Amino acid sequence: MIKDRIVRVKIRKNFKEQKPFSFVGKVTVWSENWIAIEGKGIMLTRQQSSGVQIDETIKVIIIPRESIDHIQILPDNFDINNMKITTEGQQLVLVVDGKRDAFLGEMGEG
């Protein structure tokens, strides 16, 4: 399946005011009810000039599958430690070389 793949997991928003949140990393465990990712979190925020806050260190994150909006598989050579975020109009996107960039959210949404 997607075990041992690099992915971007977008977390489902349960209410309008909730900040858009994604995790980027390597899937270490895939089960019926949850997945474990060794990676970093990305949260949209108005407090940063870049519009996003990225975790400084890699950590293991366990995500209940019911809270996942969608999963995007990234290239195996994607560098989690050097993620680039850019804007396309009003959209903030994670730059993915050689593939479709990953939409993170709208500017001002965080």
PDB file of N, CA and C in Angstrom:
ATOM      1  N   MET A   1       0.851  -1.189   0.000  1.00  0.00           N
ATOM      2  CA  MET A   1       0.000   0.000   0.000  1.00  0.00           C
ATOM      3  C   MET A   1       0.890   1.244   0.000  1.00  0.00           C
ATOM      4  N   ILE A   2       0.803   2.073   1.034  1.00  0.00           N
ATOM      5  CA  ILE A   2       1.643   3.270   1.058  1.00  0.00           C
ATOM      6  C   ILE A   2       2.678   3.230   2.178  1.00  0.00           C
ATOM      7  N   LYS A   3       2.810   2.095   2.841  1.00  0.00           N
ATOM      8  CA  LYS A   3       3.849   1.967   3.865  1.00  0.00           C
ATOM      9  C   LYS A   3       5.207   2.188   3.206  1.00  0.00           C
ATOM     10  N   ASP A   4       6.067   2.910   3.894  1.00  0.00           N
ATOM     11  CA  ASP A   4       7.417   3.259   3.441  1.00  0.00           C
ATOM     12  C   ASP A   4       7.431   4.277   2.302  1.00  0.00           C
ATOM     13  N   ARG A   5       6.320   4.917   2.025  1.00  0.00           N
ATOM     14  CA  ARG A   5       6.263   5.977   1.010  1.00  0.00           C
ATOM     15  C   ARG A   5       6.278   7.336   1.709  1.00  0.00           C
ATOM     16  N   ILE A   6       6.759   8.356   1.013  1.00  0.00           N
ATOM     17  CA  ILE A   6       6.710   9.736   1.499  1.00  0.00           C
ATOM     18  C   ILE A   6       5.356  10.305   1.083  1.00  0.00           C
ATOM     19  N   VAL A   7       4.632  10.883   2.042  1.00  0.00           N
ATOM     20  CA  VAL A   7       3.290  11.380   1.761  1.00  0.00           C
ATOM     21  C   VAL A   7       3.068  12.750   2.401  1.00  0.00           C
ATOM     22  N   ARG A   8       2.034  13.405   1.909  1.00  0.00           N
ATOM     23  CA  ARG A   8       1.495  14.608   2.566  1.00  0.00           C
ATOM     24  C   ARG A   8       0.068  14.245   2.960  1.00  0.00           C
ATOM     25  N   VAL A   9      -0.231  14.328   4.256  1.00  0.00           N
ATOM     26  CA  VAL A   9      -1.556  14.003   4.773  1.00  0.00           C
ATOM     27  C   VAL A   9      -2.224  15.299   5.197  1.00  0.00           C
ATOM     28  N   LYS A  10      -3.345  15.621   4.574  1.00  0.00           N
ATOM     29  CA  LYS A  10      -4.124  16.814   4.948  1.00  0.00           C
ATOM     30  C   LYS A  10      -5.178  16.385   5.951  1.00  0.00           C
ATOM     31  N   ILE A  11      -5.221  17.080   7.072  1.00  0.00           N
ATOM     32  CA  ILE A  11      -6.160  16.766   8.139  1.00  0.00           C
ATOM     33  C   ILE A  11      -7.498  17.435   7.864  1.00  0.00           C
ATOM     34  N   ARG A  12      -8.575  16.701   8.096  1.00  0.00           N
ATOM     35  CA  ARG A  12      -9.936  17.193   7.884  1.00  0.00           C
ATOM     36  C   ARG A  12     -10.237  18.330   8.875  1.00  0.00           C
ATOM     37  N   LYS A  13     -10.857  19.379   8.365  1.00  0.00           N
ATOM     38  CA  LYS A  13     -11.307  20.475   9.233  1.00  0.00           C
ATOM     39  C   LYS A  13     -12.703  20.135   9.750  1.00  0.00           C
ATOM     40  N   ASN A  14     -12.854  20.190  11.072  1.00  0.00           N
ATOM     41  CA  ASN A  14     -14.138  19.860  11.685  1.00  0.00           C
ATOM     42  C   ASN A  14     -15.026  21.078  11.904  1.00  0.00           C
ATOM     43  N   PHE A  15     -14.432  22.275  11.827  1.00  0.00           N
ATOM     44  CA  PHE A  15     -15.211  23.502  11.959  1.00  0.00           C
ATOM     45  C   PHE A  15     -14.497  24.602  11.180  1.00  0.00           C
ATOM     46  N   LYS A  16     -15.237  25.628  10.795  1.00  0.00           N
ATOM     47  CA  LYS A  16     -14.741  26.663   9.893  1.00  0.00           C
ATOM     48  C   LYS A  16     -13.480  27.365  10.416  1.00  0.00           C
ATOM     49  N   GLU A  17     -13.409  27.624  11.700  1.00  0.00           N
ATOM     50  CA  GLU A  17     -12.299  28.382  12.273  1.00  0.00           C
ATOM     51  C   GLU A  17     -11.035  27.555  12.483  1.00  0.00           C
ATOM     52  N   GLN A  18     -11.097  26.256  12.278  1.00  0.00           N
ATOM     53  CA  GLN A  18      -9.945  25.387  12.484  1.00  0.00           C
ATOM     54  C   GLN A  18      -8.865  25.693  11.447  1.00  0.00           C
ATOM     55  N   LYS A  19      -7.607  25.780  11.911  1.00  0.00           N
ATOM     56  CA  LYS A  19      -6.503  26.080  11.008  1.00  0.00           C
ATOM     57  C   LYS A  19      -6.185  24.863  10.144  1.00  0.00           C
ATOM     58  N   PRO A  20      -5.922  25.081   8.855  1.00  0.00           N
ATOM     59  CA  PRO A  20      -5.526  23.973   7.979  1.00  0.00           C
ATOM     60  C   PRO A  20      -4.200  23.372   8.456  1.00  0.00           C
ATOM     61  N   PHE A  21      -4.153  22.052   8.529  1.00  0.00           N
ATOM     62  CA  PHE A  21      -2.986  21.353   9.042  1.00  0.00           C
ATOM     63  C   PHE A  21      -2.670  20.166   8.155  1.00  0.00           C
ATOM     64  N   SER A  22      -1.389  19.965   7.884  1.00  0.00           N
ATOM     65  CA  SER A  22      -0.921  18.825   7.092  1.00  0.00           C
ATOM     66  C   SER A  22       0.305  18.225   7.758  1.00  0.00           C
ATOM     67  N   PHE A  23       0.557  16.959   7.463  1.00  0.00           N
ATOM     68  CA  PHE A  23       1.782  16.297   7.883  1.00  0.00           C
ATOM     69  C   PHE A  23       2.487  15.791   6.645  1.00  0.00           C
ATOM     70  N   VAL A  24       3.820  15.917   6.625  1.00  0.00           N
ATOM     71  CA  VAL A  24       4.633  15.419   5.520  1.00  0.00           C
ATOM     72  C   VAL A  24       5.681  14.495   6.110  1.00  0.00           C
ATOM     73  N   GLY A  25       5.767  13.274   5.563  1.00  0.00           N
ATOM     74  CA  GLY A  25       6.770  12.352   6.066  1.00  0.00           C
ATOM     75  C   GLY A  25       6.622  10.960   5.489  1.00  0.00           C
ATOM     76  N   LYS A  26       7.379  10.036   6.064  1.00  0.00           N
ATOM     77  CA  LYS A  26       7.396   8.645   5.617  1.00  0.00           C
ATOM     78  C   LYS A  26       6.419   7.839   6.453  1.00  0.00           C
ATOM     79  N   VAL A  27       5.539   7.095   5.792  1.00  0.00           N
ATOM     80  CA  VAL A  27       4.574   6.240   6.491  1.00  0.00           C
ATOM     81  C   VAL A  27       5.331   5.043   7.053  1.00  0.00           C
ATOM     82  N   THR A  28       5.292   4.882   8.379  1.00  0.00           N
ATOM     83  CA  THR A  28       5.973   3.756   9.018  1.00  0.00           C
ATOM     84  C   THR A  28       5.005   2.641   9.389  1.00  0.00           C
ATOM     85  N   VAL A  29       3.735   2.986   9.652  1.00  0.00           N
ATOM     86  CA  VAL A  29       2.710   1.988   9.976  1.00  0.00           C
ATOM     87  C   VAL A  29       1.403   2.411   9.320  1.00  0.00           C
ATOM     88  N   TRP A  30       0.710   1.437   8.721  1.00  0.00           N
ATOM     89  CA  TRP A  30      -0.593   1.665   8.105  1.00  0.00           C
ATOM     90  C   TRP A  30      -1.525   0.606   8.668  1.00  0.00           C
ATOM     91  N   SER A  31      -2.523   1.021   9.435  1.00  0.00           N
ATOM     92  CA  SER A  31      -3.469   0.052   9.989  1.00  0.00           C
ATOM     93  C   SER A  31      -4.892   0.436   9.578  1.00  0.00           C
ATOM     94  N   GLU A  32      -5.824  -0.359  10.015  1.00  0.00           N
ATOM     95  CA  GLU A  32      -7.224  -0.115   9.682  1.00  0.00           C
ATOM     96  C   GLU A  32      -7.744   1.182  10.301  1.00  0.00           C
ATOM     97  N   ASN A  33      -7.221   1.557  11.469  1.00  0.00           N
ATOM     98  CA  ASN A  33      -7.755   2.707  12.196  1.00  0.00           C
ATOM     99  C   ASN A  33      -6.841   3.922  12.262  1.00  0.00           C
ATOM    100  N   TRP A  34      -5.566   3.766  11.987  1.00  0.00           N
ATOM    101  CA  TRP A  34      -4.640   4.886  12.103  1.00  0.00           C
ATOM    102  C   TRP A  34      -3.408   4.636  11.248  1.00  0.00           C
ATOM    103  N   ILE A  35      -2.647   5.737  11.027  1.00  0.00           N
ATOM    104  CA  ILE A  35      -1.357   5.610  10.355  1.00  0.00           C
ATOM    105  C   ILE A  35      -0.310   6.332  11.196  1.00  0.00           C
ATOM    106  N   ALA A  36       0.925   5.877  11.104  1.00  0.00           N
ATOM    107  CA  ALA A  36       2.043   6.541  11.775  1.00  0.00           C
ATOM    108  C   ALA A  36       2.965   7.090  10.696  1.00  0.00           C
ATOM    109  N   ILE A  37       3.368   8.337  10.885  1.00  0.00           N
ATOM    110  CA  ILE A  37       4.248   9.016   9.938  1.00  0.00           C
ATOM    111  C   ILE A  37       5.446   9.554  10.702  1.00  0.00           C
ATOM    112  N   GLU A  38       6.625   9.370  10.138  1.00  0.00           N
ATOM    113  CA  GLU A  38       7.828   9.979  10.681  1.00  0.00           C
ATOM    114  C   GLU A  38       8.089  11.215   9.830  1.00  0.00           C
ATOM    115  N   GLY A  39       7.761  12.392  10.369  1.00  0.00           N
ATOM    116  CA  GLY A  39       7.855  13.589   9.557  1.00  0.00           C
ATOM    117  C   GLY A  39       7.615  14.862  10.338  1.00  0.00           C
ATOM    118  N   LYS A  40       7.099  15.870   9.625  1.00  0.00           N
ATOM    119  CA  LYS A  40       6.873  17.200  10.196  1.00  0.00           C
ATOM    120  C   LYS A  40       5.453  17.671   9.915  1.00  0.00           C
ATOM    121  N   GLY A  41       4.950  18.510  10.809  1.00  0.00           N
ATOM    122  CA  GLY A  41       3.648  19.127  10.628  1.00  0.00           C
ATOM    123  C   GLY A  41       3.781  20.498   9.988  1.00  0.00           C
ATOM    124  N   ILE A  42       2.774  20.870   9.202  1.00  0.00           N
ATOM    125  CA  ILE A  42       2.708  22.193   8.576  1.00  0.00           C
ATOM    126  C   ILE A  42       1.339  22.788   8.904  1.00  0.00           C
ATOM    127  N   MET A  43       1.340  23.944   9.550  1.00  0.00           N
ATOM    128  CA  MET A  43       0.089  24.601   9.912  1.00  0.00           C
ATOM    129  C   MET A  43       0.056  25.999   9.312  1.00  0.00           C
ATOM    130  N   LEU A  44      -1.060  26.356   8.699  1.00  0.00           N
ATOM    131  CA  LEU A  44      -1.230  27.720   8.210  1.00  0.00           C
ATOM    132  C   LEU A  44      -1.440  28.633   9.408  1.00  0.00           C
ATOM    133  N   THR A  45      -0.793  29.793   9.375  1.00  0.00           N
ATOM    134  CA  THR A  45      -0.888  30.726  10.481  1.00  0.00           C
ATOM    135  C   THR A  45      -0.683  32.153   9.997  1.00  0.00           C
ATOM    136  N   ARG A  46      -1.338  33.073  10.634  1.00  0.00           N
ATOM    137  CA  ARG A  46      -1.176  34.490  10.286  1.00  0.00           C
ATOM    138  C   ARG A  46       0.000  35.113  11.027  1.00  0.00           C
ATOM    139  N   GLN A  47       0.541  34.421  12.031  1.00  0.00           N
ATOM    140  CA  GLN A  47       1.633  34.966  12.831  1.00  0.00           C
ATOM    141  C   GLN A  47       2.977  34.918  12.108  1.00  0.00           C
ATOM    142  N   GLN A  48       3.119  34.108  11.068  1.00  0.00           N
ATOM    143  CA  GLN A  48       4.377  33.988  10.318  1.00  0.00           C
ATOM    144  C   GLN A  48       4.256  34.756   9.007  1.00  0.00           C
ATOM    145  N   SER A  49       5.319  35.428   8.613  1.00  0.00           N
ATOM    146  CA  SER A  49       5.284  36.178   7.352  1.00  0.00           C
ATOM    147  C   SER A  49       5.140  35.239   6.152  1.00  0.00           C
ATOM    148  N   SER A  50       5.628  33.997   6.291  1.00  0.00           N
ATOM    149  CA  SER A  50       5.513  33.024   5.203  1.00  0.00           C
ATOM    150  C   SER A  50       4.100  32.463   5.087  1.00  0.00           C
ATOM    151  N   GLY A  51       3.293  32.635   6.127  1.00  0.00           N
ATOM    152  CA  GLY A  51       1.930  32.113   6.129  1.00  0.00           C
ATOM    153  C   GLY A  51       1.814  30.707   6.684  1.00  0.00           C
ATOM    154  N   VAL A  52       2.967  30.058   6.975  1.00  0.00           N
ATOM    155  CA  VAL A  52       2.952  28.698   7.510  1.00  0.00           C
ATOM    156  C   VAL A  52       3.938  28.561   8.655  1.00  0.00           C
ATOM    157  N   GLN A  53       3.655  27.589   9.501  1.00  0.00           N
ATOM    158  CA  GLN A  53       4.565  27.212  10.580  1.00  0.00           C
ATOM    159  C   GLN A  53       4.905  25.742  10.367  1.00  0.00           C
ATOM    160  N   ILE A  54       6.199  25.437  10.237  1.00  0.00           N
ATOM    161  CA  ILE A  54       6.660  24.073   9.988  1.00  0.00           C
ATOM    162  C   ILE A  54       7.420  23.590  11.215  1.00  0.00           C
ATOM    163  N   ASP A  55       7.127  22.365  11.670  1.00  0.00           N
ATOM    164  CA  ASP A  55       7.864  21.798  12.791  1.00  0.00           C
ATOM    165  C   ASP A  55       9.363  21.826  12.502  1.00  0.00           C
ATOM    166  N   GLU A  56      10.157  22.125  13.516  1.00  0.00           N
ATOM    167  CA  GLU A  56      11.606  22.210  13.331  1.00  0.00           C
ATOM    168  C   GLU A  56      12.260  20.838  13.214  1.00  0.00           C
ATOM    169  N   THR A  57      11.758  19.864  13.947  1.00  0.00           N
ATOM    170  CA  THR A  57      12.381  18.544  13.959  1.00  0.00           C
ATOM    171  C   THR A  57      11.405  17.475  13.478  1.00  0.00           C
ATOM    172  N   ILE A  58      11.981  16.383  12.994  1.00  0.00           N
ATOM    173  CA  ILE A  58      11.181  15.245  12.565  1.00  0.00           C
ATOM    174  C   ILE A  58      10.762  14.451  13.799  1.00  0.00           C
ATOM    175  N   LYS A  59       9.510  14.027  13.810  1.00  0.00           N
ATOM    176  CA  LYS A  59       9.000  13.226  14.920  1.00  0.00           C
ATOM    177  C   LYS A  59       7.998  12.218  14.385  1.00  0.00           C
ATOM    178  N   VAL A  60       7.656  11.235  15.199  1.00  0.00           N
ATOM    179  CA  VAL A  60       6.649  10.247  14.820  1.00  0.00           C
ATOM    180  C   VAL A  60       5.275  10.794  15.196  1.00  0.00           C
ATOM    181  N   ILE A  61       4.370  10.785  14.233  1.00  0.00           N
ATOM    182  CA  ILE A  61       3.026  11.315  14.422  1.00  0.00           C
ATOM    183  C   ILE A  61       2.047  10.194  14.126  1.00  0.00           C
ATOM    184  N   ILE A  62       1.108   9.955  15.038  1.00  0.00           N
ATOM    185  CA  ILE A  62       0.075   8.944  14.819  1.00  0.00           C
ATOM    186  C   ILE A  62      -1.222   9.674  14.521  1.00  0.00           C
ATOM    187  N   ILE A  63      -1.825   9.345  13.376  1.00  0.00           N
ATOM    188  CA  ILE A  63      -3.005  10.057  12.902  1.00  0.00           C
ATOM    189  C   ILE A  63      -4.165   9.074  12.765  1.00  0.00           C
ATOM    190  N   PRO A  64      -5.298   9.331  13.455  1.00  0.00           N
ATOM    191  CA  PRO A  64      -6.481   8.481  13.243  1.00  0.00           C
ATOM    192  C   PRO A  64      -6.967   8.639  11.803  1.00  0.00           C
ATOM    193  N   ARG A  65      -7.270   7.537  11.146  1.00  0.00           N
ATOM    194  CA  ARG A  65      -7.678   7.607   9.736  1.00  0.00           C
ATOM    195  C   ARG A  65      -8.965   8.389   9.545  1.00  0.00           C
ATOM    196  N   GLU A  66      -9.822   8.431  10.549  1.00  0.00           N
ATOM    197  CA  GLU A  66     -11.080   9.179  10.425  1.00  0.00           C
ATOM    198  C   GLU A  66     -10.846  10.684  10.358  1.00  0.00           C
ATOM    199  N   SER A  67      -9.666  11.160  10.777  1.00  0.00           N
ATOM    200  CA  SER A  67      -9.398  12.600  10.737  1.00  0.00           C
ATOM    201  C   SER A  67      -8.654  13.026   9.468  1.00  0.00           C
ATOM    202  N   ILE A  68      -8.402  12.082   8.555  1.00  0.00           N
ATOM    203  CA  ILE A  68      -7.671  12.389   7.322  1.00  0.00           C
ATOM    204  C   ILE A  68      -8.639  12.859   6.241  1.00  0.00           C
ATOM    205  N   ASP A  69      -8.337  14.015   5.651  1.00  0.00           N
ATOM    206  CA  ASP A  69      -9.102  14.517   4.515  1.00  0.00           C
ATOM    207  C   ASP A  69      -8.645  13.802   3.250  1.00  0.00           C
ATOM    208  N   HIS A  70      -7.335  13.849   2.979  1.00  0.00           N
ATOM    209  CA  HIS A  70      -6.785  13.108   1.852  1.00  0.00           C
ATOM    210  C   HIS A  70      -5.285  12.922   2.027  1.00  0.00           C
ATOM    211  N   ILE A  71      -4.725  12.017   1.213  1.00  0.00           N
ATOM    212  CA  ILE A  71      -3.297  11.703   1.238  1.00  0.00           C
ATOM    213  C   ILE A  71      -2.744  11.892  -0.169  1.00  0.00           C
ATOM    214  N   GLN A  72      -1.624  12.573  -0.269  1.00  0.00           N
ATOM    215  CA  GLN A  72      -0.934  12.752  -1.548  1.00  0.00           C
ATOM    216  C   GLN A  72       0.431  12.076  -1.445  1.00  0.00           C
ATOM    217  N   ILE A  73       0.714  11.167  -2.365  1.00  0.00           N
ATOM    218  CA  ILE A  73       2.004  10.488  -2.381  1.00  0.00           C
ATOM    219  C   ILE A  73       3.019  11.408  -3.049  1.00  0.00           C
ATOM    220  N   LEU A  74       4.152  11.595  -2.378  1.00  0.00           N
ATOM    221  CA  LEU A  74       5.217  12.464  -2.875  1.00  0.00           C
ATOM    222  C   LEU A  74       6.362  11.602  -3.415  1.00  0.00           C
ATOM    223  N   PRO A  75       7.268  12.195  -4.185  1.00  0.00           N
ATOM    224  CA  PRO A  75       8.403  11.422  -4.698  1.00  0.00           C
ATOM    225  C   PRO A  75       9.255  10.860  -3.555  1.00  0.00           C
ATOM    226  N   ASP A  76       9.871   9.708  -3.788  1.00  0.00           N
ATOM    227  CA  ASP A  76      10.707   9.072  -2.763  1.00  0.00           C
ATOM    228  C   ASP A  76      11.905   9.928  -2.373  1.00  0.00           C
ATOM    229  N   ASN A  77      12.330  10.837  -3.245  1.00  0.00           N
ATOM    230  CA  ASN A  77      13.481  11.690  -2.942  1.00  0.00           C
ATOM    231  C   ASN A  77      13.069  13.050  -2.355  1.00  0.00           C
ATOM    232  N   PHE A  78      11.801  13.202  -1.955  1.00  0.00           N
ATOM    233  CA  PHE A  78      11.346  14.471  -1.380  1.00  0.00           C
ATOM    234  C   PHE A  78      12.109  14.737  -0.082  1.00  0.00           C
ATOM    235  N   ASP A  79      12.686  15.934   0.049  1.00  0.00           N
ATOM    236  CA  ASP A  79      13.510  16.300   1.204  1.00  0.00           C
ATOM    237  C   ASP A  79      12.656  16.991   2.271  1.00  0.00           C
ATOM    238  N   ILE A  80      12.321  16.255   3.308  1.00  0.00           N
ATOM    239  CA  ILE A  80      11.468  16.772   4.384  1.00  0.00           C
ATOM    240  C   ILE A  80      12.154  17.915   5.139  1.00  0.00           C
ATOM    241  N   ASN A  81      13.474  17.892   5.197  1.00  0.00           N
ATOM    242  CA  ASN A  81      14.206  18.917   5.944  1.00  0.00           C
ATOM    243  C   ASN A  81      14.363  20.224   5.182  1.00  0.00           C
ATOM    244  N   ASN A  82      14.049  20.234   3.891  1.00  0.00           N
ATOM    245  CA  ASN A  82      14.174  21.455   3.081  1.00  0.00           C
ATOM    246  C   ASN A  82      12.892  21.718   2.297  1.00  0.00           C
ATOM    247  N   MET A  83      11.765  21.698   2.983  1.00  0.00           N
ATOM    248  CA  MET A  83      10.482  21.938   2.317  1.00  0.00           C
ATOM    249  C   MET A  83      10.376  23.399   1.890  1.00  0.00           C
ATOM    250  N   LYS A  84       9.829  23.617   0.702  1.00  0.00           N
ATOM    251  CA  LYS A  84       9.634  24.965   0.174  1.00  0.00           C
ATOM    252  C   LYS A  84       8.138  25.220   0.029  1.00  0.00           C
ATOM    253  N   ILE A  85       7.704  26.344   0.571  1.00  0.00           N
ATOM    254  CA  ILE A  85       6.316  26.770   0.467  1.00  0.00           C
ATOM    255  C   ILE A  85       6.288  28.026  -0.396  1.00  0.00           C
ATOM    256  N   THR A  86       5.342  28.083  -1.321  1.00  0.00           N
ATOM    257  CA  THR A  86       5.218  29.254  -2.187  1.00  0.00           C
ATOM    258  C   THR A  86       3.743  29.609  -2.328  1.00  0.00           C
ATOM    259  N   THR A  87       3.484  30.706  -2.995  1.00  0.00           N
ATOM    260  CA  THR A  87       2.102  31.119  -3.229  1.00  0.00           C
ATOM    261  C   THR A  87       1.789  31.030  -4.713  1.00  0.00           C
ATOM    262  N   GLU A  88       0.559  30.672  -4.997  1.00  0.00           N
ATOM    263  CA  GLU A  88       0.006  30.705  -6.353  1.00  0.00           C
ATOM    264  C   GLU A  88      -1.299  31.464  -6.228  1.00  0.00           C
ATOM    265  N   GLY A  89      -1.241  32.756  -6.547  1.00  0.00           N
ATOM    266  CA  GLY A  89      -2.399  33.606  -6.296  1.00  0.00           C
ATOM    267  C   GLY A  89      -2.585  33.744  -4.792  1.00  0.00           C
ATOM    268  N   GLN A  90      -3.731  33.333  -4.285  1.00  0.00           N
ATOM    269  CA  GLN A  90      -4.017  33.369  -2.853  1.00  0.00           C
ATOM    270  C   GLN A  90      -3.770  32.025  -2.172  1.00  0.00           C
ATOM    271  N   GLN A  91      -3.257  31.069  -2.907  1.00  0.00           N
ATOM    272  CA  GLN A  91      -3.056  29.730  -2.361  1.00  0.00           C
ATOM    273  C   GLN A  91      -1.617  29.527  -1.895  1.00  0.00           C
ATOM    274  N   LEU A  92      -1.470  28.857  -0.750  1.00  0.00           N
ATOM    275  CA  LEU A  92      -0.160  28.433  -0.272  1.00  0.00           C
ATOM    276  C   LEU A  92       0.016  26.978  -0.685  1.00  0.00           C
ATOM    277  N   VAL A  93       1.160  26.674  -1.318  1.00  0.00           N
ATOM    278  CA  VAL A  93       1.398  25.319  -1.803  1.00  0.00           C
ATOM    279  C   VAL A  93       2.785  24.840  -1.388  1.00  0.00           C
ATOM    280  N   LEU A  94       2.884  23.531  -1.173  1.00  0.00           N
ATOM    281  CA  LEU A  94       4.145  22.866  -0.912  1.00  0.00           C
ATOM    282  C   LEU A  94       4.736  22.488  -2.265  1.00  0.00           C
ATOM    283  N   VAL A  95       5.947  22.958  -2.548  1.00  0.00           N
ATOM    284  CA  VAL A  95       6.584  22.706  -3.836  1.00  0.00           C
ATOM    285  C   VAL A  95       7.074  21.260  -3.880  1.00  0.00           C
ATOM    286  N   VAL A  96       6.644  20.540  -4.928  1.00  0.00           N
ATOM    287  CA  VAL A  96       7.037  19.148  -5.133  1.00  0.00           C
ATOM    288  C   VAL A  96       7.680  19.067  -6.511  1.00  0.00           C
ATOM    289  N   ASP A  97       8.995  18.901  -6.554  1.00  0.00           N
ATOM    290  CA  ASP A  97       9.717  18.848  -7.829  1.00  0.00           C
ATOM    291  C   ASP A  97       9.271  17.650  -8.654  1.00  0.00           C
ATOM    292  N   GLY A  98       8.927  17.904  -9.911  1.00  0.00           N
ATOM    293  CA  GLY A  98       8.574  16.839 -10.832  1.00  0.00           C
ATOM    294  C   GLY A  98       7.161  16.300 -10.692  1.00  0.00           C
ATOM    295  N   LYS A  99       6.390  16.794  -9.754  1.00  0.00           N
ATOM    296  CA  LYS A  99       5.005  16.351  -9.541  1.00  0.00           C
ATOM    297  C   LYS A  99       4.135  17.572  -9.290  1.00  0.00           C
ATOM    298  N   ARG A 100       2.836  17.328  -9.155  1.00  0.00           N
ATOM    299  CA  ARG A 100       1.904  18.415  -8.849  1.00  0.00           C
ATOM    300  C   ARG A 100       2.164  18.921  -7.430  1.00  0.00           C
ATOM    301  N   ASP A 101       2.269  20.250  -7.276  1.00  0.00           N
ATOM    302  CA  ASP A 101       2.461  20.833  -5.950  1.00  0.00           C
ATOM    303  C   ASP A 101       1.272  20.509  -5.048  1.00  0.00           C
ATOM    304  N   ALA A 102       1.506  20.497  -3.732  1.00  0.00           N
ATOM    305  CA  ALA A 102       0.477  20.137  -2.765  1.00  0.00           C
ATOM    306  C   ALA A 102      -0.179  21.397  -2.205  1.00  0.00           C
ATOM    307  N   PHE A 103      -1.473  21.545  -2.429  1.00  0.00           N
ATOM    308  CA  PHE A 103      -2.237  22.680  -1.908  1.00  0.00           C
ATOM    309  C   PHE A 103      -2.333  22.564  -0.392  1.00  0.00           C
ATOM    310  N   LEU A 104      -1.932  23.639   0.327  1.00  0.00           N
ATOM    311  CA  LEU A 104      -2.006  23.650   1.787  1.00  0.00           C
ATOM    312  C   LEU A 104      -3.214  24.420   2.295  1.00  0.00           C
ATOM    313  N   GLY A 105      -3.576  25.499   1.613  1.00  0.00           N
ATOM    314  CA  GLY A 105      -4.703  26.311   2.047  1.00  0.00           C
ATOM    315  C   GLY A 105      -4.634  27.697   1.433  1.00  0.00           C
ATOM    316  N   GLU A 106      -5.616  28.520   1.786  1.00  0.00           N
ATOM    317  CA  GLU A 106      -5.694  29.888   1.299  1.00  0.00           C
ATOM    318  C   GLU A 106      -4.963  30.826   2.260  1.00  0.00           C
ATOM    319  N   MET A 107      -4.310  31.866   1.714  1.00  0.00           N
ATOM    320  CA  MET A 107      -3.658  32.864   2.547  1.00  0.00           C
ATOM    321  C   MET A 107      -4.700  33.516   3.456  1.00  0.00           C
ATOM    322  N   GLY A 108      -4.320  33.736   4.708  1.00  0.00           N
ATOM    323  CA  GLY A 108      -5.232  34.338   5.664  1.00  0.00           C
ATOM    324  C   GLY A 108      -6.167  33.347   6.318  1.00  0.00           C
ATOM    325  N   GLU A 109      -6.125  32.086   5.899  1.00  0.00           N
ATOM    326  CA  GLU A 109      -7.002  31.065   6.452  1.00  0.00           C
ATOM    327  C   GLU A 109      -6.556  30.651   7.856  1.00  0.00           C
ATOM    328  N   GLY A 110      -5.271  30.821   8.151  1.00  0.00           N
ATOM    329  CA  GLY A 110      -4.742  30.386   9.442  1.00  0.00           C
ATOM    330  C   GLY A 110      -4.922  31.444  10.451  1.00  0.00           C
TER     331      GLY A 110
END
